[in-house]
Amino acid sequence: MKITLYDRESGREFLVRQVVDSHGHNPWTGRPLSNEYTAILGEGLEAVEIAGTALQDALDRIIGMAPDLMIESESLIGPLRERVDRLNAGAPATEPAVAGAATTGPPSAPVPAPASATEPTG
């Protein structure tokens, strides 16, 4: 998975690899993309790409099994969308953005299984 990034001011497009290679700086302007932790920003973006690729690969493996189930897409995409929306809005992190700090939001509410899925067949 390749994630597309944009400069907030010019709207110019760039890639995670460019941020990593520039040690957390904007590849077009040379300005740091974060007031602090520029190298950690690059590492974090790289981790998101790796995780996205792993998620795609895992879903492809599950699709290949042709399981008798469906995934509630919002339970998977919703928490990701919320975080991307916060990032795009420039919202502050809920926890300090330091190396090794977990930045998790509230847990997602479980999706109840249909009644037929919990009843034994026979």
C-alpha atoms as a PDB file:
ATOM      1  CA  MET A   1       0.000   0.000   0.000  1.00  0.00           C
ATOM      2  CA  LYS A   2       1.280   3.435  -0.902  1.00  0.00           C
ATOM      3  CA  ILE A   3      -0.273   6.292   1.048  1.00  0.00           C
ATOM      4  CA  THR A   4      -0.578   9.642  -0.685  1.00  0.00           C
ATOM      5  CA  LEU A   5       0.195  12.716   1.409  1.00  0.00           C
ATOM      6  CA  TYR A   6      -0.452  16.385   0.642  1.00  0.00           C
ATOM      7  CA  ASP A   7       1.202  19.629   1.678  1.00  0.00           C
ATOM      8  CA  ARG A   8      -1.384  21.622   3.692  1.00  0.00           C
ATOM      9  CA  GLU A   9      -0.442  24.930   2.032  1.00  0.00           C
ATOM     10  CA  SER A  10       0.245  24.106  -1.617  1.00  0.00           C
ATOM     11  CA  GLY A  11      -1.710  20.878  -1.951  1.00  0.00           C
ATOM     12  CA  ARG A  12       1.284  19.243  -3.641  1.00  0.00           C
ATOM     13  CA  GLU A  13       1.306  15.481  -3.419  1.00  0.00           C
ATOM     14  CA  PHE A  14       4.122  13.393  -1.975  1.00  0.00           C
ATOM     15  CA  LEU A  15       4.718   9.888  -0.679  1.00  0.00           C
ATOM     16  CA  VAL A  16       5.702   8.406   2.658  1.00  0.00           C
ATOM     17  CA  ARG A  17       9.046   7.261   1.245  1.00  0.00           C
ATOM     18  CA  GLN A  18       9.896  10.902   0.473  1.00  0.00           C
ATOM     19  CA  VAL A  19       9.144  11.891   4.081  1.00  0.00           C
ATOM     20  CA  VAL A  20      11.278   9.028   5.406  1.00  0.00           C
ATOM     21  CA  ASP A  21      14.137   9.892   3.048  1.00  0.00           C
ATOM     22  CA  SER A  22      13.979  13.562   4.089  1.00  0.00           C
ATOM     23  CA  HIS A  23      13.879  12.663   7.815  1.00  0.00           C
ATOM     24  CA  GLY A  24      10.387  14.054   8.376  1.00  0.00           C
ATOM     25  CA  HIS A  25      10.656  17.127   6.171  1.00  0.00           C
ATOM     26  CA  ASN A  26       8.432  18.312   3.341  1.00  0.00           C
ATOM     27  CA  PRO A  27      10.129  17.111   0.132  1.00  0.00           C
ATOM     28  CA  TRP A  28       9.041  20.269  -1.729  1.00  0.00           C
ATOM     29  CA  THR A  29       9.799  23.004   0.812  1.00  0.00           C
ATOM     30  CA  GLY A  30      12.346  21.327   3.072  1.00  0.00           C
ATOM     31  CA  ARG A  31      10.376  22.466   6.131  1.00  0.00           C
ATOM     32  CA  PRO A  32       9.818  19.991   8.972  1.00  0.00           C
ATOM     33  CA  LEU A  33       6.384  18.373   8.825  1.00  0.00           C
ATOM     34  CA  SER A  34       6.174  18.335  12.615  1.00  0.00           C
ATOM     35  CA  ASN A  35       7.361  20.809  15.217  1.00  0.00           C
ATOM     36  CA  GLU A  36       8.988  17.936  17.070  1.00  0.00           C
ATOM     37  CA  TYR A  37       9.879  14.317  16.420  1.00  0.00           C
ATOM     38  CA  THR A  38      10.379  14.656  12.643  1.00  0.00           C
ATOM     39  CA  ALA A  39      12.232  11.345  12.368  1.00  0.00           C
ATOM     40  CA  ILE A  40       9.547   9.611  14.428  1.00  0.00           C
ATOM     41  CA  LEU A  41       6.904  11.064  12.077  1.00  0.00           C
ATOM     42  CA  GLY A  42       8.591   9.331   9.149  1.00  0.00           C
ATOM     43  CA  GLU A  43       8.774   6.078  11.089  1.00  0.00           C
ATOM     44  CA  GLY A  44       5.105   6.367  12.026  1.00  0.00           C
ATOM     45  CA  LEU A  45       4.022   6.995   8.437  1.00  0.00           C
ATOM     46  CA  GLU A  46       6.103   4.051   7.305  1.00  0.00           C
ATOM     47  CA  ALA A  47       4.472   1.868   9.985  1.00  0.00           C
ATOM     48  CA  VAL A  48       1.018   2.911   8.726  1.00  0.00           C
ATOM     49  CA  GLU A  49       1.912   1.839   5.186  1.00  0.00           C
ATOM     50  CA  ILE A  50       3.261  -1.495   6.411  1.00  0.00           C
ATOM     51  CA  ALA A  51       0.172  -2.080   8.542  1.00  0.00           C
ATOM     52  CA  GLY A  52      -2.100  -1.152   5.639  1.00  0.00           C
ATOM     53  CA  THR A  53      -0.334  -3.631   3.377  1.00  0.00           C
ATOM     54  CA  ALA A  54      -0.598  -6.330   6.056  1.00  0.00           C
ATOM     55  CA  LEU A  55      -4.331  -5.614   6.422  1.00  0.00           C
ATOM     56  CA  GLN A  56      -4.866  -5.850   2.668  1.00  0.00           C
ATOM     57  CA  ASP A  57      -2.896  -9.110   2.510  1.00  0.00           C
ATOM     58  CA  ALA A  58      -4.825 -10.616   5.431  1.00  0.00           C
ATOM     59  CA  LEU A  59      -8.153  -9.722   3.851  1.00  0.00           C
ATOM     60  CA  ASP A  60      -7.000 -11.249   0.542  1.00  0.00           C
ATOM     61  CA  ARG A  61      -6.143 -14.485   2.375  1.00  0.00           C
ATOM     62  CA  ILE A  62      -9.553 -14.520   4.048  1.00  0.00           C
ATOM     63  CA  ILE A  63     -11.289 -13.840   0.705  1.00  0.00           C
ATOM     64  CA  GLY A  64      -9.369 -16.777  -0.764  1.00  0.00           C
ATOM     65  CA  MET A  65     -10.892 -19.067   1.865  1.00  0.00           C
ATOM     66  CA  ALA A  66     -14.410 -18.154   0.688  1.00  0.00           C
ATOM     67  CA  PRO A  67     -15.683 -18.153   4.290  1.00  0.00           C
ATOM     68  CA  ASP A  68     -19.358 -18.220   5.131  1.00  0.00           C
ATOM     69  CA  LEU A  69     -19.280 -14.840   6.846  1.00  0.00           C
ATOM     70  CA  MET A  70     -19.346 -11.114   6.215  1.00  0.00           C
ATOM     71  CA  ILE A  71     -17.346  -8.324   7.818  1.00  0.00           C
ATOM     72  CA  GLU A  72     -19.147  -5.231   9.034  1.00  0.00           C
ATOM     73  CA  SER A  73     -17.024  -2.774   7.033  1.00  0.00           C
ATOM     74  CA  GLU A  74     -17.651   0.150   9.378  1.00  0.00           C
ATOM     75  CA  SER A  75     -16.181  -1.841  12.293  1.00  0.00           C
ATOM     76  CA  LEU A  76     -12.935  -2.029  10.309  1.00  0.00           C
ATOM     77  CA  ILE A  77     -12.900   1.266   8.443  1.00  0.00           C
ATOM     78  CA  GLY A  78     -14.650   3.526  10.970  1.00  0.00           C
ATOM     79  CA  PRO A  79     -11.847   3.699  13.564  1.00  0.00           C
ATOM     80  CA  LEU A  80      -9.296   4.306  10.798  1.00  0.00           C
ATOM     81  CA  ARG A  81     -11.425   7.019   9.182  1.00  0.00           C
ATOM     82  CA  GLU A  82     -11.846   8.774  12.540  1.00  0.00           C
ATOM     83  CA  ARG A  83      -8.088   8.956  13.043  1.00  0.00           C
ATOM     84  CA  VAL A  84      -7.367  10.102   9.486  1.00  0.00           C
ATOM     85  CA  ASP A  85     -10.055  12.780   9.845  1.00  0.00           C
ATOM     86  CA  ARG A  86      -8.449  13.991  13.099  1.00  0.00           C
ATOM     87  CA  LEU A  87      -5.038  14.108  11.434  1.00  0.00           C
ATOM     88  CA  ASN A  88      -6.417  15.988   8.417  1.00  0.00           C
ATOM     89  CA  ALA A  89      -8.185  18.477  10.680  1.00  0.00           C
ATOM     90  CA  GLY A  90      -4.942  19.155  12.520  1.00  0.00           C
ATOM     91  CA  ALA A  91      -6.472  17.958  15.773  1.00  0.00           C
ATOM     92  CA  PRO A  92      -4.034  17.377  18.629  1.00  0.00           C
ATOM     93  CA  ALA A  93      -3.230  13.841  19.657  1.00  0.00           C
ATOM     94  CA  THR A  94      -5.142  12.371  22.568  1.00  0.00           C
ATOM     95  CA  GLU A  95      -1.827  11.248  24.083  1.00  0.00           C
ATOM     96  CA  PRO A  96       1.747  12.545  23.773  1.00  0.00           C
ATOM     97  CA  ALA A  97       3.330  11.691  20.419  1.00  0.00           C
ATOM     98  CA  VAL A  98       6.603  10.278  21.667  1.00  0.00           C
ATOM     99  CA  ALA A  99       8.529   7.173  20.723  1.00  0.00           C
ATOM    100  CA  GLY A 100       6.864   4.071  22.035  1.00  0.00           C
ATOM    101  CA  ALA A 101       3.715   5.859  23.176  1.00  0.00           C
ATOM    102  CA  ALA A 102       0.522   4.089  22.253  1.00  0.00           C
ATOM    103  CA  THR A 103      -2.071   6.370  20.720  1.00  0.00           C
ATOM    104  CA  THR A 104      -5.277   4.425  20.828  1.00  0.00           C
ATOM    105  CA  GLY A 105      -8.748   5.826  20.987  1.00  0.00           C
ATOM    106  CA  PRO A 106     -11.752   4.393  22.743  1.00  0.00           C
ATOM    107  CA  PRO A 107     -12.509   0.777  21.905  1.00  0.00           C
ATOM    108  CA  SER A 108     -15.041   0.169  19.157  1.00  0.00           C
ATOM    109  CA  ALA A 109     -18.398  -1.151  20.226  1.00  0.00           C
ATOM    110  CA  PRO A 110     -18.759  -4.823  19.314  1.00  0.00           C
ATOM    111  CA  VAL A 111     -21.142  -5.632  16.501  1.00  0.00           C
ATOM    112  CA  PRO A 112     -23.753  -8.104  17.760  1.00  0.00           C
ATOM    113  CA  ALA A 113     -23.950 -11.361  15.859  1.00  0.00           C
ATOM    114  CA  PRO A 114     -27.208 -12.197  14.139  1.00  0.00           C
ATOM    115  CA  ALA A 115     -29.370 -14.555  16.215  1.00  0.00           C
ATOM    116  CA  SER A 116     -28.959 -17.312  13.654  1.00  0.00           C
ATOM    117  CA  ALA A 117     -25.159 -17.150  14.055  1.00  0.00           C
ATOM    118  CA  THR A 118     -25.369 -17.946  17.772  1.00  0.00           C
ATOM    119  CA  GLU A 119     -27.915 -20.741  17.563  1.00  0.00           C
ATOM    120  CA  PRO A 120     -26.659 -24.292  17.130  1.00  0.00           C
ATOM    121  CA  THR A 121     -27.515 -25.985  13.888  1.00  0.00           C
ATOM    122  CA  GLY A 122     -28.744 -29.493  13.780  1.00  0.00           C
END
